[in-house]
C-alpha atoms as a PDB file:
ATOM      1  CA  UNK A   1      25.034 -26.023  -1.141  1.00  0.00           C
ATOM      2  CA  UNK A   2      22.840 -23.168  -1.886  1.00  0.00           C
ATOM      3  CA  UNK A   3      20.368 -21.819   0.277  1.00  0.00           C
ATOM      4  CA  UNK A   4      16.530 -21.995  -0.717  1.00  0.00           C
ATOM      5  CA  UNK A   5      15.107 -18.747  -0.955  1.00  0.00           C
ATOM      6  CA  UNK A   6      12.130 -17.874   2.512  1.00  0.00           C
ATOM      7  CA  UNK A   7      10.195 -15.499   0.662  1.00  0.00           C
ATOM      8  CA  UNK A   8       7.824 -13.216   3.165  1.00  0.00           C
ATOM      9  CA  UNK A   9       4.981 -11.383   2.184  1.00  0.00           C
ATOM     10  CA  UNK A  10       6.623  -7.708   2.988  1.00  0.00           C
ATOM     11  CA  UNK A  11       8.587  -8.685   0.089  1.00  0.00           C
ATOM     12  CA  UNK A  12       5.558  -7.906  -2.273  1.00  0.00           C
ATOM     13  CA  UNK A  13       4.560  -5.037  -0.537  1.00  0.00           C
ATOM     14  CA  UNK A  14       7.237  -2.162  -1.642  1.00  0.00           C
ATOM     15  CA  UNK A  15       5.990   0.862  -1.070  1.00  0.00           C
ATOM     16  CA  UNK A  16       2.679  -0.403   1.229  1.00  0.00           C
ATOM     17  CA  UNK A  17       2.660  -0.498   4.453  1.00  0.00           C
ATOM     18  CA  UNK A  18       3.211  -3.964   5.800  1.00  0.00           C
ATOM     19  CA  UNK A  19       0.022  -6.440   6.662  1.00  0.00           C
ATOM     20  CA  UNK A  20      -0.309  -9.997   6.647  1.00  0.00           C
ATOM     21  CA  UNK A  21      -2.052 -10.047   3.604  1.00  0.00           C
ATOM     22  CA  UNK A  22      -1.693  -9.570   0.280  1.00  0.00           C
ATOM     23  CA  UNK A  23      -3.683 -10.207  -3.077  1.00  0.00           C
ATOM     24  CA  UNK A  24      -2.845  -9.457  -6.983  1.00  0.00           C
ATOM     25  CA  UNK A  25      -3.800 -10.622 -10.677  1.00  0.00           C
ATOM     26  CA  UNK A  26      -1.205 -13.326 -11.662  1.00  0.00           C
ATOM     27  CA  UNK A  27       0.079 -11.398 -14.327  1.00  0.00           C
ATOM     28  CA  UNK A  28       0.937  -8.504 -12.092  1.00  0.00           C
ATOM     29  CA  UNK A  29       2.125 -10.918  -8.852  1.00  0.00           C
ATOM     30  CA  UNK A  30       5.062 -11.979 -11.117  1.00  0.00           C
ATOM     31  CA  UNK A  31       5.882  -8.331 -12.669  1.00  0.00           C
ATOM     32  CA  UNK A  32       6.227  -7.265  -9.141  1.00  0.00           C
ATOM     33  CA  UNK A  33       7.677 -10.418  -7.631  1.00  0.00           C
ATOM     34  CA  UNK A  34      10.136 -11.564 -10.844  1.00  0.00           C
ATOM     35  CA  UNK A  35      13.332 -11.055  -8.981  1.00  0.00           C
ATOM     36  CA  UNK A  36      12.083 -13.614  -6.045  1.00  0.00           C
ATOM     37  CA  UNK A  37      10.612 -16.003  -7.435  1.00  0.00           C
ATOM     38  CA  UNK A  38      12.095 -17.159 -10.511  1.00  0.00           C
ATOM     39  CA  UNK A  39      14.104 -19.441  -8.204  1.00  0.00           C
ATOM     40  CA  UNK A  40      12.480 -22.900  -6.488  1.00  0.00           C
ATOM     41  CA  UNK A  41      11.538 -21.083  -3.127  1.00  0.00           C
ATOM     42  CA  UNK A  42       9.264 -21.007   0.095  1.00  0.00           C
ATOM     43  CA  UNK A  43       7.185 -18.833   2.107  1.00  0.00           C
ATOM     44  CA  UNK A  44       6.689 -18.490   6.044  1.00  0.00           C
ATOM     45  CA  UNK A  45       2.816 -17.932   4.859  1.00  0.00           C
ATOM     46  CA  UNK A  46      -0.087 -19.411   2.846  1.00  0.00           C
ATOM     47  CA  UNK A  47      -0.837 -19.677  -0.531  1.00  0.00           C
ATOM     48  CA  UNK A  48      -4.116 -19.822  -3.219  1.00  0.00           C
ATOM     49  CA  UNK A  49      -3.561 -19.220  -6.835  1.00  0.00           C
ATOM     50  CA  UNK A  50      -6.479 -19.366  -9.209  1.00  0.00           C
ATOM     51  CA  UNK A  51      -5.322 -19.744 -12.627  1.00  0.00           C
ATOM     52  CA  UNK A  52      -7.891 -18.505 -15.465  1.00  0.00           C
ATOM     53  CA  UNK A  53      -5.255 -18.125 -18.391  1.00  0.00           C
ATOM     54  CA  UNK A  54      -2.202 -19.432 -20.056  1.00  0.00           C
ATOM     55  CA  UNK A  55      -0.280 -22.578 -18.784  1.00  0.00           C
ATOM     56  CA  UNK A  56       2.334 -24.270 -17.733  1.00  0.00           C
ATOM     57  CA  UNK A  57       4.222 -26.739 -14.954  1.00  0.00           C
ATOM     58  CA  UNK A  58       3.739 -25.949 -11.454  1.00  0.00           C
ATOM     59  CA  UNK A  59       6.226 -28.121  -9.180  1.00  0.00           C
ATOM     60  CA  UNK A  60       5.171 -28.450  -5.804  1.00  0.00           C
ATOM     61  CA  UNK A  61       7.213 -30.023  -3.084  1.00  0.00           C
ATOM     62  CA  UNK A  62       9.183 -32.128  -6.080  1.00  0.00           C
ATOM     63  CA  UNK A  63       5.831 -32.990  -7.782  1.00  0.00           C
ATOM     64  CA  UNK A  64       5.323 -31.934 -10.968  1.00  0.00           C
ATOM     65  CA  UNK A  65       1.702 -30.323 -11.990  1.00  0.00           C
ATOM     66  CA  UNK A  66       0.622 -29.342 -14.999  1.00  0.00           C
ATOM     67  CA  UNK A  67      -0.958 -25.931 -15.325  1.00  0.00           C
ATOM     68  CA  UNK A  68      -4.356 -24.454 -17.383  1.00  0.00           C
ATOM     69  CA  UNK A  69      -7.585 -22.682 -17.464  1.00  0.00           C
ATOM     70  CA  UNK A  70      -9.135 -23.578 -14.157  1.00  0.00           C
ATOM     71  CA  UNK A  71      -6.072 -24.469 -11.717  1.00  0.00           C
ATOM     72  CA  UNK A  72      -6.475 -24.263  -7.706  1.00  0.00           C
ATOM     73  CA  UNK A  73      -3.007 -24.483  -5.821  1.00  0.00           C
ATOM     74  CA  UNK A  74      -2.635 -24.279  -2.271  1.00  0.00           C
ATOM     75  CA  UNK A  75       0.687 -23.998  -0.513  1.00  0.00           C
ATOM     76  CA  UNK A  76       1.746 -24.454   2.997  1.00  0.00           C
ATOM     77  CA  UNK A  77       4.563 -22.317   4.418  1.00  0.00           C
ATOM     78  CA  UNK A  78       7.534 -24.708   4.247  1.00  0.00           C
ATOM     79  CA  UNK A  79       6.459 -25.775   0.821  1.00  0.00           C
ATOM     80  CA  UNK A  80       9.536 -25.587  -2.191  1.00  0.00           C
ATOM     81  CA  UNK A  81       8.011 -24.395  -5.745  1.00  0.00           C
ATOM     82  CA  UNK A  82       8.499 -23.415  -8.674  1.00  0.00           C
ATOM     83  CA  UNK A  83       6.954 -22.877 -12.055  1.00  0.00           C
ATOM     84  CA  UNK A  84       7.298 -21.933 -15.678  1.00  0.00           C
ATOM     85  CA  UNK A  85       4.552 -20.219 -17.048  1.00  0.00           C
ATOM     86  CA  UNK A  86       3.462 -19.060 -20.646  1.00  0.00           C
ATOM     87  CA  UNK A  87       3.742 -15.184 -21.171  1.00  0.00           C
ATOM     88  CA  UNK A  88      -0.607 -15.177 -21.692  1.00  0.00           C
ATOM     89  CA  UNK A  89      -0.872 -16.561 -18.069  1.00  0.00           C
ATOM     90  CA  UNK A  90      -2.493 -15.494 -15.808  1.00  0.00           C
ATOM     91  CA  UNK A  91      -5.220 -15.463 -12.492  1.00  0.00           C
ATOM     92  CA  UNK A  92      -5.691 -14.555  -9.179  1.00  0.00           C
ATOM     93  CA  UNK A  93      -3.239 -14.742  -6.204  1.00  0.00           C
ATOM     94  CA  UNK A  94      -3.285 -14.118  -2.710  1.00  0.00           C
ATOM     95  CA  UNK A  95      -1.351 -14.480   0.945  1.00  0.00           C
ATOM     96  CA  UNK A  96      -2.417 -14.399   4.254  1.00  0.00           C
ATOM     97  CA  UNK A  97      -0.267 -14.993   8.047  1.00  0.00           C
ATOM     98  CA  UNK A  98      -1.400 -17.907  10.272  1.00  0.00           C
ATOM     99  CA  UNK A  99      -1.659 -15.311  12.656  1.00  0.00           C
ATOM    100  CA  UNK A 100      -4.280 -13.088  10.231  1.00  0.00           C
ATOM    101  CA  UNK A 101      -6.871 -15.841   9.825  1.00  0.00           C
ATOM    102  CA  UNK A 102      -6.177 -17.542  12.679  1.00  0.00           C
ATOM    103  CA  UNK A 103      -7.072 -14.596  15.352  1.00  0.00           C
ATOM    104  CA  UNK A 104     -10.615 -14.518  13.740  1.00  0.00           C
ATOM    105  CA  UNK A 105     -10.853 -17.962  13.146  1.00  0.00           C
ATOM    106  CA  UNK A 106     -10.391 -19.218  17.120  1.00  0.00           C
ATOM    107  CA  UNK A 107     -11.965 -22.645  16.055  1.00  0.00           C
ATOM    108  CA  UNK A 108     -11.059 -22.812  12.246  1.00  0.00           C
ATOM    109  CA  UNK A 109      -7.724 -23.666  11.851  1.00  0.00           C
ATOM    110  CA  UNK A 110      -5.943 -23.576   8.732  1.00  0.00           C
ATOM    111  CA  UNK A 111      -4.216 -26.904   8.557  1.00  0.00           C
ATOM    112  CA  UNK A 112      -7.529 -28.687   9.159  1.00  0.00           C
ATOM    113  CA  UNK A 113      -8.349 -27.896   5.576  1.00  0.00           C
ATOM    114  CA  UNK A 114      -6.823 -31.496   3.983  1.00  0.00           C
ATOM    115  CA  UNK A 115      -4.820 -29.246   1.091  1.00  0.00           C
ATOM    116  CA  UNK A 116      -2.716 -27.156   3.788  1.00  0.00           C
ATOM    117  CA  UNK A 117      -2.924 -29.679   6.742  1.00  0.00           C
ATOM    118  CA  UNK A 118      -1.949 -32.748   4.522  1.00  0.00           C
ATOM    119  CA  UNK A 119       1.109 -33.862   2.797  1.00  0.00           C
ATOM    120  CA  UNK A 120      -0.941 -36.736   1.357  1.00  0.00           C
ATOM    121  CA  UNK A 121      -3.323 -34.482  -0.324  1.00  0.00           C
ATOM    122  CA  UNK A 122      -2.749 -33.005  -3.605  1.00  0.00           C
ATOM    123  CA  UNK A 123      -2.043 -29.353  -3.691  1.00  0.00           C
ATOM    124  CA  UNK A 124      -4.025 -28.874  -7.417  1.00  0.00           C
ATOM    125  CA  UNK A 125      -7.890 -28.843  -8.192  1.00  0.00           C
ATOM    126  CA  UNK A 126      -8.971 -28.778 -11.960  1.00  0.00           C
ATOM    127  CA  UNK A 127     -11.921 -26.940 -11.908  1.00  0.00           C
ATOM    128  CA  UNK A 128     -15.213 -27.703 -14.412  1.00  0.00           C
ATOM    129  CA  UNK A 129     -16.690 -24.323 -16.303  1.00  0.00           C
ATOM    130  CA  UNK A 130     -18.963 -23.619 -13.307  1.00  0.00           C
ATOM    131  CA  UNK A 131     -16.505 -23.998 -10.669  1.00  0.00           C
ATOM    132  CA  UNK A 132     -14.575 -21.792 -12.037  1.00  0.00           C
ATOM    133  CA  UNK A 133     -16.832 -19.631 -12.827  1.00  0.00           C
ATOM    134  CA  UNK A 134     -18.167 -19.211  -8.734  1.00  0.00           C
ATOM    135  CA  UNK A 135     -14.414 -19.382  -7.965  1.00  0.00           C
ATOM    136  CA  UNK A 136     -13.069 -16.648 -10.594  1.00  0.00           C
ATOM    137  CA  UNK A 137     -16.222 -14.297  -8.713  1.00  0.00           C
ATOM    138  CA  UNK A 138     -14.886 -14.958  -4.852  1.00  0.00           C
ATOM    139  CA  UNK A 139     -11.347 -14.141  -6.012  1.00  0.00           C
ATOM    140  CA  UNK A 140     -12.199 -10.370  -7.678  1.00  0.00           C
ATOM    141  CA  UNK A 141     -14.319  -9.899  -4.969  1.00  0.00           C
ATOM    142  CA  UNK A 142     -12.023 -10.467  -2.664  1.00  0.00           C
ATOM    143  CA  UNK A 143      -9.236  -8.230  -4.183  1.00  0.00           C
ATOM    144  CA  UNK A 144     -12.261  -5.788  -4.744  1.00  0.00           C
ATOM    145  CA  UNK A 145     -12.486  -5.379  -0.884  1.00  0.00           C
ATOM    146  CA  UNK A 146      -8.944  -5.506  -0.224  1.00  0.00           C
ATOM    147  CA  UNK A 147      -8.365  -2.053  -2.146  1.00  0.00           C
ATOM    148  CA  UNK A 148     -10.932  -0.691  -0.491  1.00  0.00           C
ATOM    149  CA  UNK A 149     -11.357   1.222   2.965  1.00  0.00           C
ATOM    150  CA  UNK A 150     -14.770   0.081   3.938  1.00  0.00           C
ATOM    151  CA  UNK A 151     -16.009  -0.546   7.870  1.00  0.00           C
ATOM    152  CA  UNK A 152     -15.160  -4.303   9.301  1.00  0.00           C
ATOM    153  CA  UNK A 153     -12.590  -4.940   5.626  1.00  0.00           C
ATOM    154  CA  UNK A 154     -10.710  -8.016   7.495  1.00  0.00           C
ATOM    155  CA  UNK A 155     -13.923  -9.775   8.319  1.00  0.00           C
ATOM    156  CA  UNK A 156     -15.171  -9.668   4.622  1.00  0.00           C
ATOM    157  CA  UNK A 157     -11.855 -10.672   3.310  1.00  0.00           C
ATOM    158  CA  UNK A 158     -11.708 -13.740   5.580  1.00  0.00           C
ATOM    159  CA  UNK A 159     -15.134 -14.626   4.608  1.00  0.00           C
ATOM    160  CA  UNK A 160     -14.245 -14.595   1.365  1.00  0.00           C
ATOM    161  CA  UNK A 161     -11.063 -16.915   1.568  1.00  0.00           C
ATOM    162  CA  UNK A 162     -13.029 -19.316   4.272  1.00  0.00           C
ATOM    163  CA  UNK A 163     -15.493 -20.076   0.992  1.00  0.00           C
ATOM    164  CA  UNK A 164     -12.547 -20.506  -1.177  1.00  0.00           C
ATOM    165  CA  UNK A 165     -11.277 -22.739   1.674  1.00  0.00           C
ATOM    166  CA  UNK A 166     -14.655 -24.882   2.022  1.00  0.00           C
ATOM    167  CA  UNK A 167     -15.348 -24.855  -1.562  1.00  0.00           C
ATOM    168  CA  UNK A 168     -12.180 -26.132  -2.583  1.00  0.00           C
ATOM    169  CA  UNK A 169     -12.465 -28.945   0.414  1.00  0.00           C
ATOM    170  CA  UNK A 170     -16.287 -30.422  -0.768  1.00  0.00           C
ATOM    171  CA  UNK A 171     -14.386 -30.288  -3.909  1.00  0.00           C
ATOM    172  CA  UNK A 172     -11.503 -32.520  -2.765  1.00  0.00           C
ATOM    173  CA  UNK A 173     -13.980 -34.862  -0.242  1.00  0.00           C
ATOM    174  CA  UNK A 174     -15.533 -35.871  -3.472  1.00  0.00           C
ATOM    175  CA  UNK A 175     -12.294 -36.932  -5.017  1.00  0.00           C
ATOM    176  CA  UNK A 176     -11.341 -38.709  -1.902  1.00  0.00           C
ATOM    177  CA  UNK A 177     -14.732 -40.812  -1.838  1.00  0.00           C
ATOM    178  CA  UNK A 178     -15.118 -38.638   1.625  1.00  0.00           C
ATOM    179  CA  UNK A 179     -19.156 -38.679   2.054  1.00  0.00           C
ATOM    180  CA  UNK A 180     -21.462 -37.193   3.879  1.00  0.00           C
ATOM    181  CA  UNK A 181     -22.228 -39.745   6.228  1.00  0.00           C
ATOM    182  CA  UNK A 182     -21.454 -40.044  10.059  1.00  0.00           C
ATOM    183  CA  UNK A 183     -18.317 -43.049   9.483  1.00  0.00           C
ATOM    184  CA  UNK A 184     -17.008 -40.857   7.090  1.00  0.00           C
ATOM    185  CA  UNK A 185     -16.928 -38.134   8.817  1.00  0.00           C
ATOM    186  CA  UNK A 186     -15.637 -39.895  11.520  1.00  0.00           C
ATOM    187  CA  UNK A 187     -13.134 -41.215   9.252  1.00  0.00           C
ATOM    188  CA  UNK A 188     -12.000 -37.674   7.979  1.00  0.00           C
ATOM    189  CA  UNK A 189     -11.771 -36.270  11.256  1.00  0.00           C
ATOM    190  CA  UNK A 190      -9.835 -39.138  12.573  1.00  0.00           C
ATOM    191  CA  UNK A 191      -7.016 -38.338   9.014  1.00  0.00           C
ATOM    192  CA  UNK A 192      -6.818 -35.254  10.327  1.00  0.00           C
ATOM    193  CA  UNK A 193      -5.361 -35.994  13.739  1.00  0.00           C
ATOM    194  CA  UNK A 194      -3.419 -39.252  12.645  1.00  0.00           C
ATOM    195  CA  UNK A 195      -2.014 -35.936  10.097  1.00  0.00           C
ATOM    196  CA  UNK A 196      -1.433 -33.888  13.123  1.00  0.00           C
ATOM    197  CA  UNK A 197       0.343 -36.137  14.993  1.00  0.00           C
ATOM    198  CA  UNK A 198       3.082 -37.346  12.558  1.00  0.00           C
ATOM    199  CA  UNK A 199       3.541 -33.628  11.791  1.00  0.00           C
ATOM    200  CA  UNK A 200       4.345 -33.345  15.582  1.00  0.00           C
ATOM    201  CA  UNK A 201       6.577 -36.766  16.316  1.00  0.00           C
ATOM    202  CA  UNK A 202       7.419 -38.021  12.641  1.00  0.00           C
ATOM    203  CA  UNK A 203      11.029 -37.060  13.806  1.00  0.00           C
ATOM    204  CA  UNK A 204      11.121 -39.462  16.656  1.00  0.00           C
ATOM    205  CA  UNK A 205       8.483 -41.994  15.932  1.00  0.00           C
ATOM    206  CA  UNK A 206       7.648 -44.259  13.179  1.00  0.00           C
ATOM    207  CA  UNK A 207       5.242 -47.042  14.723  1.00  0.00           C
ATOM    208  CA  UNK A 208       1.973 -46.773  13.760  1.00  0.00           C
ATOM    209  CA  UNK A 209       0.965 -48.507  17.198  1.00  0.00           C
ATOM    210  CA  UNK A 210       2.825 -45.625  19.186  1.00  0.00           C
ATOM    211  CA  UNK A 211       0.728 -42.896  16.524  1.00  0.00           C
ATOM    212  CA  UNK A 212      -2.719 -45.384  16.785  1.00  0.00           C
ATOM    213  CA  UNK A 213      -2.142 -45.194  21.547  1.00  0.00           C
ATOM    214  CA  UNK A 214      -2.221 -41.838  20.810  1.00  0.00           C
ATOM    215  CA  UNK A 215      -5.562 -41.637  18.988  1.00  0.00           C
ATOM    216  CA  UNK A 216      -7.217 -44.376  20.997  1.00  0.00           C
ATOM    217  CA  UNK A 217      -7.585 -47.129  18.170  1.00  0.00           C
ATOM    218  CA  UNK A 218      -5.964 -49.922  17.090  1.00  0.00           C
ATOM    219  CA  UNK A 219      -3.266 -50.206  14.641  1.00  0.00           C
ATOM    220  CA  UNK A 220      -5.765 -51.926  11.931  1.00  0.00           C
ATOM    221  CA  UNK A 221      -8.211 -49.432  12.263  1.00  0.00           C
ATOM    222  CA  UNK A 222      -5.949 -46.627  11.739  1.00  0.00           C
ATOM    223  CA  UNK A 223      -5.045 -48.821   8.583  1.00  0.00           C
ATOM    224  CA  UNK A 224      -8.414 -48.669   7.257  1.00  0.00           C
ATOM    225  CA  UNK A 225      -8.981 -45.117   8.211  1.00  0.00           C
ATOM    226  CA  UNK A 226      -5.391 -44.113   5.861  1.00  0.00           C
ATOM    227  CA  UNK A 227      -6.901 -46.443   3.268  1.00  0.00           C
ATOM    228  CA  UNK A 228     -10.106 -45.971   2.998  1.00  0.00           C
ATOM    229  CA  UNK A 229      -9.248 -41.603   2.793  1.00  0.00           C
ATOM    230  CA  UNK A 230      -6.277 -41.632   0.776  1.00  0.00           C
ATOM    231  CA  UNK A 231      -5.934 -44.990  -0.573  1.00  0.00           C
ATOM    232  CA  UNK A 232      -2.714 -44.990   1.618  1.00  0.00           C
ATOM    233  CA  UNK A 233      -1.482 -47.194   4.325  1.00  0.00           C
ATOM    234  CA  UNK A 234      -0.577 -45.033   7.589  1.00  0.00           C
ATOM    235  CA  UNK A 235       3.350 -46.099   7.330  1.00  0.00           C
ATOM    236  CA  UNK A 236       2.937 -44.711   4.384  1.00  0.00           C
ATOM    237  CA  UNK A 237       1.515 -41.192   5.460  1.00  0.00           C
ATOM    238  CA  UNK A 238       4.649 -41.530   7.939  1.00  0.00           C
ATOM    239  CA  UNK A 239       7.124 -42.689   5.482  1.00  0.00           C
ATOM    240  CA  UNK A 240       5.761 -39.764   3.057  1.00  0.00           C
ATOM    241  CA  UNK A 241       6.153 -36.970   5.631  1.00  0.00           C
ATOM    242  CA  UNK A 242       9.571 -38.375   6.679  1.00  0.00           C
ATOM    243  CA  UNK A 243      10.882 -38.626   2.994  1.00  0.00           C
ATOM    244  CA  UNK A 244       9.296 -34.768   1.979  1.00  0.00           C
ATOM    245  CA  UNK A 245      11.357 -33.261   5.257  1.00  0.00           C
ATOM    246  CA  UNK A 246      14.508 -35.230   4.055  1.00  0.00           C
ATOM    247  CA  UNK A 247      14.238 -33.917   0.257  1.00  0.00           C
ATOM    248  CA  UNK A 248      13.454 -30.220   2.062  1.00  0.00           C
ATOM    249  CA  UNK A 249      16.524 -30.578   4.027  1.00  0.00           C
ATOM    250  CA  UNK A 250      18.581 -32.041   1.334  1.00  0.00           C
ATOM    251  CA  UNK A 251      17.821 -29.034  -0.807  1.00  0.00           C
ATOM    252  CA  UNK A 252      18.560 -25.776   1.764  1.00  0.00           C
ATOM    253  CA  UNK A 253      20.619 -27.376   4.461  1.00  0.00           C
ATOM    254  CA  UNK A 254      24.309 -27.052   4.688  1.00  0.00           C
ATOM    255  CA  UNK A 255      24.417 -30.341   6.764  1.00  0.00           C
ATOM    256  CA  UNK A 256      25.995 -33.628   5.249  1.00  0.00           C
ATOM    257  CA  UNK A 257      23.342 -36.777   4.971  1.00  0.00           C
ATOM    258  CA  UNK A 258      24.560 -39.267   7.449  1.00  0.00           C
ATOM    259  CA  UNK A 259      24.155 -35.567   9.818  1.00  0.00           C
ATOM    260  CA  UNK A 260      19.608 -35.539   7.770  1.00  0.00           C
ATOM    261  CA  UNK A 261      19.404 -38.656   8.359  1.00  0.00           C
ATOM    262  CA  UNK A 262      20.446 -38.952  12.286  1.00  0.00           C
ATOM    263  CA  UNK A 263      18.239 -35.774  12.378  1.00  0.00           C
ATOM    264  CA  UNK A 264      15.089 -37.314  10.885  1.00  0.00           C
ATOM    265  CA  UNK A 265      15.279 -40.415  13.242  1.00  0.00           C
ATOM    266  CA  UNK A 266      18.042 -43.015  11.253  1.00  0.00           C
ATOM    267  CA  UNK A 267      21.299 -43.994  13.343  1.00  0.00           C
ATOM    268  CA  UNK A 268      21.583 -45.969  10.560  1.00  0.00           C
ATOM    269  CA  UNK A 269      22.538 -44.138   7.028  1.00  0.00           C
ATOM    270  CA  UNK A 270      21.848 -47.193   5.116  1.00  0.00           C
ATOM    271  CA  UNK A 271      19.184 -47.827   6.375  1.00  0.00           C
ATOM    272  CA  UNK A 272      17.609 -44.311   5.435  1.00  0.00           C
ATOM    273  CA  UNK A 273      19.066 -44.777   2.018  1.00  0.00           C
ATOM    274  CA  UNK A 274      16.687 -47.803   1.947  1.00  0.00           C
ATOM    275  CA  UNK A 275      14.110 -46.006   3.195  1.00  0.00           C
ATOM    276  CA  UNK A 276      14.359 -43.048   0.668  1.00  0.00           C
ATOM    277  CA  UNK A 277      14.934 -45.171  -1.898  1.00  0.00           C
ATOM    278  CA  UNK A 278      12.034 -46.973  -2.298  1.00  0.00           C
ATOM    279  CA  UNK A 279       9.795 -43.784  -1.620  1.00  0.00           C
ATOM    280  CA  UNK A 280      11.156 -41.586  -4.268  1.00  0.00           C
ATOM    281  CA  UNK A 281      12.737 -44.335  -6.669  1.00  0.00           C
ATOM    282  CA  UNK A 282      15.864 -42.529  -6.101  1.00  0.00           C
ATOM    283  CA  UNK A 283      19.092 -42.538  -3.584  1.00  0.00           C
ATOM    284  CA  UNK A 284      19.302 -38.931  -1.312  1.00  0.00           C
ATOM    285  CA  UNK A 285      22.881 -38.559  -3.845  1.00  0.00           C
ATOM    286  CA  UNK A 286      21.205 -39.327  -6.929  1.00  0.00           C
ATOM    287  CA  UNK A 287      18.253 -36.661  -5.862  1.00  0.00           C
ATOM    288  CA  UNK A 288      20.319 -34.065  -4.746  1.00  0.00           C
ATOM    289  CA  UNK A 289      22.073 -34.314  -8.213  1.00  0.00           C
ATOM    290  CA  UNK A 290      19.133 -34.219 -10.377  1.00  0.00           C
ATOM    291  CA  UNK A 291      17.867 -31.123  -8.439  1.00  0.00           C
ATOM    292  CA  UNK A 292      20.900 -28.968  -8.111  1.00  0.00           C
ATOM    293  CA  UNK A 293      22.359 -29.730 -10.676  1.00  0.00           C
END
């Protein structure tokens, strides 16, 4: 089985000093990175992409998104993605490592932004004209600063990145109907806590009661939080994370289906197949035939 490439920031920085931050226009990025990004691949860094021209398809963790003017995407380390883009495509892209951002923002973690920390959130925002203008300006300023050698350069880069992330979080919050009331904000905080706990324990723990106990709330209330925030049950969220990991492992690990099921906490392979098929609409074998053809 062929493995999925894991790309590092340094691959896109030939001839320059290695850095934990990268910025480019989409047109130049596709020329520079063509030999690395023409096939499905993963990163070990965080990515933001704004398309300002052209069309296409962007597939992220086996979900297809349409690309058009105003499409804003976010990717986390480990996600598998690929794209098919028109020749007139353009826009802006930047990468950063977790260390680059969080060593300056000790109290703000990248995973706390919903589009980086949650597998239940979509990875795309489709911006209206006013938001596209606002974000284009921020990306352009980020690109200008990246080329300069001014005092406190990293500070301004981090500030501009944060503005992009915060603006996007507010736009996402409108889509999932999060309001500024204390109840809604409390639900969203619990939701983030639940997502973080799933990320830590999903291979061993599939029970809602387990996570509710860690959070000091009832399983019924945890379900209410999940339903209110992303219109899914808590069990759905746990299962989605397990199946996503299964898909990634099927794509890039040279292990048998039984071994993968066991690594994900399923001693009975037949039960793992039922869970996978119910969530994805196909068996693990059918999934591999589709994506490894």
